[in-house]
């Protein structure tokens, strides 16, 4: 089961472009964690079936981005 923090990370990733300024700063302001911790959590969530059930569109989009980066 996803916790509140994990859901917040996914929600933020879905709509981070709505926040003014750099993404790293928005992560700190909205989630209260460092950008490094945010990306660690996000990478872990990409392989979590619960995350895929919570927000399938966002998780699939991020998985595609990850796969494209691996092919380069």
Protein backbone atom coordinates (compact mmCIF):
# COMPACT_ATOMS: atom_id res chain seq x y z
CA UNK A 1 0.00 0.00 0.00
CA UNK A 2 1.31 3.42 -0.92
CA UNK A 3 1.82 5.87 1.88
CA UNK A 4 0.92 9.52 1.85
CA UNK A 5 4.47 10.54 0.92
CA UNK A 6 4.61 8.15 -2.06
CA UNK A 7 1.26 9.40 -3.36
CA UNK A 8 2.47 12.99 -2.92
CA UNK A 9 5.59 12.23 -4.99
CA UNK A 10 3.48 10.79 -7.82
CA UNK A 11 1.00 13.66 -7.62
CA UNK A 12 3.82 16.18 -7.73
CA UNK A 13 5.47 14.51 -10.71
CA UNK A 14 2.16 14.58 -12.59
CA UNK A 15 1.84 18.36 -12.19
CA UNK A 16 5.21 19.83 -11.21
CA UNK A 17 5.24 22.15 -14.23
CA UNK A 18 2.49 24.18 -12.55
CA UNK A 19 4.95 25.32 -9.87
CA UNK A 20 7.05 28.41 -10.57
CA UNK A 21 10.82 28.16 -10.66
CA UNK A 22 13.19 25.21 -10.88
CA UNK A 23 11.85 21.74 -10.20
CA UNK A 24 14.38 21.09 -7.42
CA UNK A 25 13.14 24.11 -5.49
CA UNK A 26 9.50 23.12 -6.02
CA UNK A 27 10.28 19.63 -4.67
CA UNK A 28 11.74 21.12 -1.51
CA UNK A 29 8.88 23.58 -1.04
CA UNK A 30 5.99 21.23 -1.84
CA UNK A 31 7.29 17.92 -0.48
CA UNK A 32 9.83 19.09 2.08
CA UNK A 33 12.53 16.70 0.85
CA UNK A 34 15.72 17.09 -1.14
CA UNK A 35 15.72 16.59 -4.89
CA UNK A 36 18.04 13.61 -4.42
CA UNK A 37 15.57 11.90 -2.09
CA UNK A 38 12.70 12.75 -4.45
CA UNK A 39 14.36 11.09 -7.44
CA UNK A 40 15.32 8.04 -5.36
CA UNK A 41 11.70 7.61 -4.30
CA UNK A 42 10.42 8.22 -7.82
CA UNK A 43 12.75 5.58 -9.32
CA UNK A 44 11.59 3.05 -6.74
CA UNK A 45 7.95 3.87 -7.41
CA UNK A 46 8.33 3.16 -11.13
CA UNK A 47 8.65 -0.54 -10.31
CA UNK A 48 5.96 -0.61 -7.63
CA UNK A 49 2.68 -2.23 -8.78
CA UNK A 50 0.75 -0.15 -6.23
CA UNK A 51 2.09 3.04 -7.82
CA UNK A 52 0.98 1.82 -11.24
CA UNK A 53 -2.51 1.17 -9.89
CA UNK A 54 -2.62 4.58 -8.19
CA UNK A 55 -1.68 6.58 -11.31
CA UNK A 56 -1.18 4.34 -14.34
CA UNK A 57 -0.73 7.18 -16.85
CA UNK A 58 2.03 8.95 -14.96
CA UNK A 59 3.88 5.73 -14.13
CA UNK A 60 3.69 4.47 -17.73
CA UNK A 61 4.95 7.83 -19.03
CA UNK A 62 7.89 7.77 -16.63
CA UNK A 63 8.70 4.15 -17.50
CA UNK A 64 8.82 5.11 -21.21
CA UNK A 65 11.17 7.99 -20.42
CA UNK A 66 13.38 5.62 -18.41
CA UNK A 67 13.47 3.08 -21.25
CA UNK A 68 14.37 5.75 -23.81
CA UNK A 69 17.22 6.93 -21.60
CA UNK A 70 18.52 3.37 -21.25
CA UNK A 71 18.62 2.95 -25.04
CA UNK A 72 20.88 5.97 -25.52
